[in-house]
Amino acid sequence: MARSIKKGPYVDEKLLKKIDGKNLREAGAIKTWARNSQISPEMVGFTFAVHNGRTHTNVLVMEEMVGHRLGEFSPTKTFRRHGGKMQKELEQRAKEAEITAAKAAKAAGEKK
């Protein structure tokens, strides 16, 4: 469910204090663990270092991000690849296609 309109958007008070009175040019990355804070128009232009559970990910706030949460732009899981038999077959086909392309390029270079 969405947050009640009468309550307004949730923005961590500590985060607002860190922004208050800072210049965009000399602010640098502002570290935060408040992933659930909504991005407000006052935050546009600042760079936040949002914690993802392991490290801080730099997020440059733009106008299109207003209304979203900071955590949306700092993924907590890293996608490696899909596994299994199908993935191995796809990789094998890609490797074979690369080899045939290299052989064709080599043959074309010898003919000239």
C-alpha atoms as a PDB file:
ATOM      1  CA  MET A   1       0.000   0.000   0.000  1.00  0.00           C
ATOM      2  CA  ALA A   2       1.061   3.552  -0.635  1.00  0.00           C
ATOM      3  CA  ARG A   3       1.794   5.941   2.200  1.00  0.00           C
ATOM      4  CA  SER A   4      -1.106   8.137   3.299  1.00  0.00           C
ATOM      5  CA  ILE A   5      -1.218  11.547   1.622  1.00  0.00           C
ATOM      6  CA  LYS A   6      -1.810  13.335   4.922  1.00  0.00           C
ATOM      7  CA  LYS A   7       1.455  11.905   6.287  1.00  0.00           C
ATOM      8  CA  GLY A   8       3.467  13.014   3.269  1.00  0.00           C
ATOM      9  CA  PRO A   9       6.592  11.355   1.851  1.00  0.00           C
ATOM     10  CA  TYR A  10       9.034   9.711   4.242  1.00  0.00           C
ATOM     11  CA  VAL A  11      12.466  11.290   4.257  1.00  0.00           C
ATOM     12  CA  ASP A  12      14.926  10.496   7.030  1.00  0.00           C
ATOM     13  CA  GLU A  13      15.497  13.570   9.223  1.00  0.00           C
ATOM     14  CA  LYS A  14      19.231  12.893   9.538  1.00  0.00           C
ATOM     15  CA  LEU A  15      19.500  12.824   5.766  1.00  0.00           C
ATOM     16  CA  LEU A  16      17.767  16.194   5.471  1.00  0.00           C
ATOM     17  CA  LYS A  17      20.168  17.650   8.074  1.00  0.00           C
ATOM     18  CA  LYS A  18      23.139  16.410   6.033  1.00  0.00           C
ATOM     19  CA  ILE A  19      21.801  18.163   2.917  1.00  0.00           C
ATOM     20  CA  ASP A  20      20.729  21.377   4.644  1.00  0.00           C
ATOM     21  CA  GLY A  21      23.060  24.273   3.923  1.00  0.00           C
ATOM     22  CA  LYS A  22      25.445  22.309   1.673  1.00  0.00           C
ATOM     23  CA  ASN A  23      26.578  23.490  -1.711  1.00  0.00           C
ATOM     24  CA  LEU A  24      26.135  21.058  -4.611  1.00  0.00           C
ATOM     25  CA  ARG A  25      29.689  21.550  -5.883  1.00  0.00           C
ATOM     26  CA  GLU A  26      31.578  20.918  -2.658  1.00  0.00           C
ATOM     27  CA  ALA A  27      29.222  18.421  -0.967  1.00  0.00           C
ATOM     28  CA  GLY A  28      30.804  15.218  -2.312  1.00  0.00           C
ATOM     29  CA  ALA A  29      29.059  11.908  -1.686  1.00  0.00           C
ATOM     30  CA  ILE A  30      26.725  11.916   1.319  1.00  0.00           C
ATOM     31  CA  LYS A  31      26.805   8.522   3.063  1.00  0.00           C
ATOM     32  CA  THR A  32      23.463   7.088   4.085  1.00  0.00           C
ATOM     33  CA  TRP A  33      21.915   3.854   5.244  1.00  0.00           C
ATOM     34  CA  ALA A  34      18.352   5.193   4.794  1.00  0.00           C
ATOM     35  CA  ARG A  35      17.395   3.167   1.721  1.00  0.00           C
ATOM     36  CA  ASN A  36      13.675   3.668   2.435  1.00  0.00           C
ATOM     37  CA  SER A  37      13.829   7.473   2.208  1.00  0.00           C
ATOM     38  CA  GLN A  38      11.974   8.998  -0.715  1.00  0.00           C
ATOM     39  CA  ILE A  39      13.872  11.346  -2.995  1.00  0.00           C
ATOM     40  CA  SER A  40      12.586  14.891  -2.630  1.00  0.00           C
ATOM     41  CA  PRO A  41      13.168  17.861  -4.963  1.00  0.00           C
ATOM     42  CA  GLU A  42      15.722  19.342  -2.521  1.00  0.00           C
ATOM     43  CA  MET A  43      17.975  16.325  -3.133  1.00  0.00           C
ATOM     44  CA  VAL A  44      18.305  16.853  -6.902  1.00  0.00           C
ATOM     45  CA  GLY A  45      21.947  17.273  -7.910  1.00  0.00           C
ATOM     46  CA  PHE A  46      23.464  15.691  -4.811  1.00  0.00           C
ATOM     47  CA  THR A  47      25.389  12.433  -4.847  1.00  0.00           C
ATOM     48  CA  PHE A  48      24.435   9.922  -2.175  1.00  0.00           C
ATOM     49  CA  ALA A  49      26.486   6.900  -1.149  1.00  0.00           C
ATOM     50  CA  VAL A  50      23.657   4.448  -0.456  1.00  0.00           C
ATOM     51  CA  HIS A  51      24.542   1.332   1.541  1.00  0.00           C
ATOM     52  CA  ASN A  52      23.558  -1.941  -0.134  1.00  0.00           C
ATOM     53  CA  GLY A  53      24.450  -4.274   2.727  1.00  0.00           C
ATOM     54  CA  ARG A  54      28.106  -4.602   1.834  1.00  0.00           C
ATOM     55  CA  THR A  55      29.363  -1.368   0.275  1.00  0.00           C
ATOM     56  CA  HIS A  56      28.162   2.128  -0.495  1.00  0.00           C
ATOM     57  CA  THR A  57      26.956   2.715  -4.061  1.00  0.00           C
ATOM     58  CA  ASN A  58      27.138   6.256  -5.436  1.00  0.00           C
ATOM     59  CA  VAL A  59      23.791   7.549  -6.706  1.00  0.00           C
ATOM     60  CA  LEU A  60      23.574  10.903  -8.497  1.00  0.00           C
ATOM     61  CA  VAL A  61      20.030  12.179  -7.974  1.00  0.00           C
ATOM     62  CA  MET A  62      18.277  13.583 -11.060  1.00  0.00           C
ATOM     63  CA  GLU A  63      14.844  15.126 -11.531  1.00  0.00           C
ATOM     64  CA  GLU A  64      13.354  11.882 -12.900  1.00  0.00           C
ATOM     65  CA  MET A  65      14.158  10.132  -9.593  1.00  0.00           C
ATOM     66  CA  VAL A  66      11.947  12.367  -7.439  1.00  0.00           C
ATOM     67  CA  GLY A  67       9.322  10.260  -5.676  1.00  0.00           C
ATOM     68  CA  HIS A  68      11.345   7.043  -5.841  1.00  0.00           C
ATOM     69  CA  ARG A  69      13.259   5.519  -2.942  1.00  0.00           C
ATOM     70  CA  LEU A  70      17.044   5.711  -2.590  1.00  0.00           C
ATOM     71  CA  GLY A  71      17.281   1.920  -2.270  1.00  0.00           C
ATOM     72  CA  GLU A  72      15.892   1.422  -5.783  1.00  0.00           C
ATOM     73  CA  PHE A  73      19.131   2.719  -7.275  1.00  0.00           C
ATOM     74  CA  SER A  74      21.496   0.642  -5.127  1.00  0.00           C
ATOM     75  CA  PRO A  75      20.934  -3.061  -5.884  1.00  0.00           C
ATOM     76  CA  THR A  76      21.576  -5.482  -3.042  1.00  0.00           C
ATOM     77  CA  LYS A  77      22.159  -8.575  -5.168  1.00  0.00           C
ATOM     78  CA  THR A  78      24.643  -9.024  -7.998  1.00  0.00           C
ATOM     79  CA  PHE A  79      23.482 -11.041 -10.983  1.00  0.00           C
ATOM     80  CA  ARG A  80      26.191 -13.450 -12.084  1.00  0.00           C
ATOM     81  CA  ARG A  81      24.481 -15.533 -14.769  1.00  0.00           C
ATOM     82  CA  HIS A  82      21.902 -18.214 -15.225  1.00  0.00           C
ATOM     83  CA  GLY A  83      23.288 -21.675 -14.745  1.00  0.00           C
ATOM     84  CA  GLY A  84      22.418 -25.140 -15.867  1.00  0.00           C
ATOM     85  CA  LYS A  85      22.504 -27.169 -19.043  1.00  0.00           C
ATOM     86  CA  MET A  86      20.844 -24.571 -21.284  1.00  0.00           C
ATOM     87  CA  GLN A  87      23.380 -21.899 -20.359  1.00  0.00           C
ATOM     88  CA  LYS A  88      26.302 -24.221 -21.119  1.00  0.00           C
ATOM     89  CA  GLU A  89      24.812 -25.043 -24.525  1.00  0.00           C
ATOM     90  CA  LEU A  90      24.350 -21.348 -25.324  1.00  0.00           C
ATOM     91  CA  GLU A  91      27.932 -20.573 -24.341  1.00  0.00           C
ATOM     92  CA  GLN A  92      29.216 -23.474 -26.452  1.00  0.00           C
ATOM     93  CA  ARG A  93      27.269 -22.258 -29.517  1.00  0.00           C
ATOM     94  CA  ALA A  94      28.570 -18.728 -29.041  1.00  0.00           C
ATOM     95  CA  LYS A  95      32.142 -20.016 -28.807  1.00  0.00           C
ATOM     96  CA  GLU A  96      31.712 -22.129 -31.972  1.00  0.00           C
ATOM     97  CA  ALA A  97      30.241 -19.148 -33.846  1.00  0.00           C
ATOM     98  CA  GLU A  98      33.200 -17.015 -32.787  1.00  0.00           C
ATOM     99  CA  ILE A  99      35.669 -19.645 -34.004  1.00  0.00           C
ATOM    100  CA  THR A 100      33.939 -19.991 -37.399  1.00  0.00           C
ATOM    101  CA  ALA A 101      33.861 -16.210 -37.799  1.00  0.00           C
ATOM    102  CA  ALA A 102      37.596 -16.015 -37.047  1.00  0.00           C
ATOM    103  CA  LYS A 103      38.333 -18.794 -39.572  1.00  0.00           C
ATOM    104  CA  ALA A 104      36.251 -17.010 -42.232  1.00  0.00           C
ATOM    105  CA  ALA A 105      38.055 -13.729 -41.601  1.00  0.00           C
ATOM    106  CA  LYS A 106      41.408 -15.486 -41.803  1.00  0.00           C
ATOM    107  CA  ALA A 107      40.469 -17.186 -45.085  1.00  0.00           C
ATOM    108  CA  ALA A 108      39.260 -13.879 -46.539  1.00  0.00           C
ATOM    109  CA  GLY A 109      42.544 -12.230 -45.530  1.00  0.00           C
ATOM    110  CA  GLU A 110      44.620 -14.951 -47.262  1.00  0.00           C
ATOM    111  CA  LYS A 111      42.720 -14.601 -50.545  1.00  0.00           C
ATOM    112  CA  LYS A 112      43.603 -10.924 -50.890  1.00  0.00           C
END
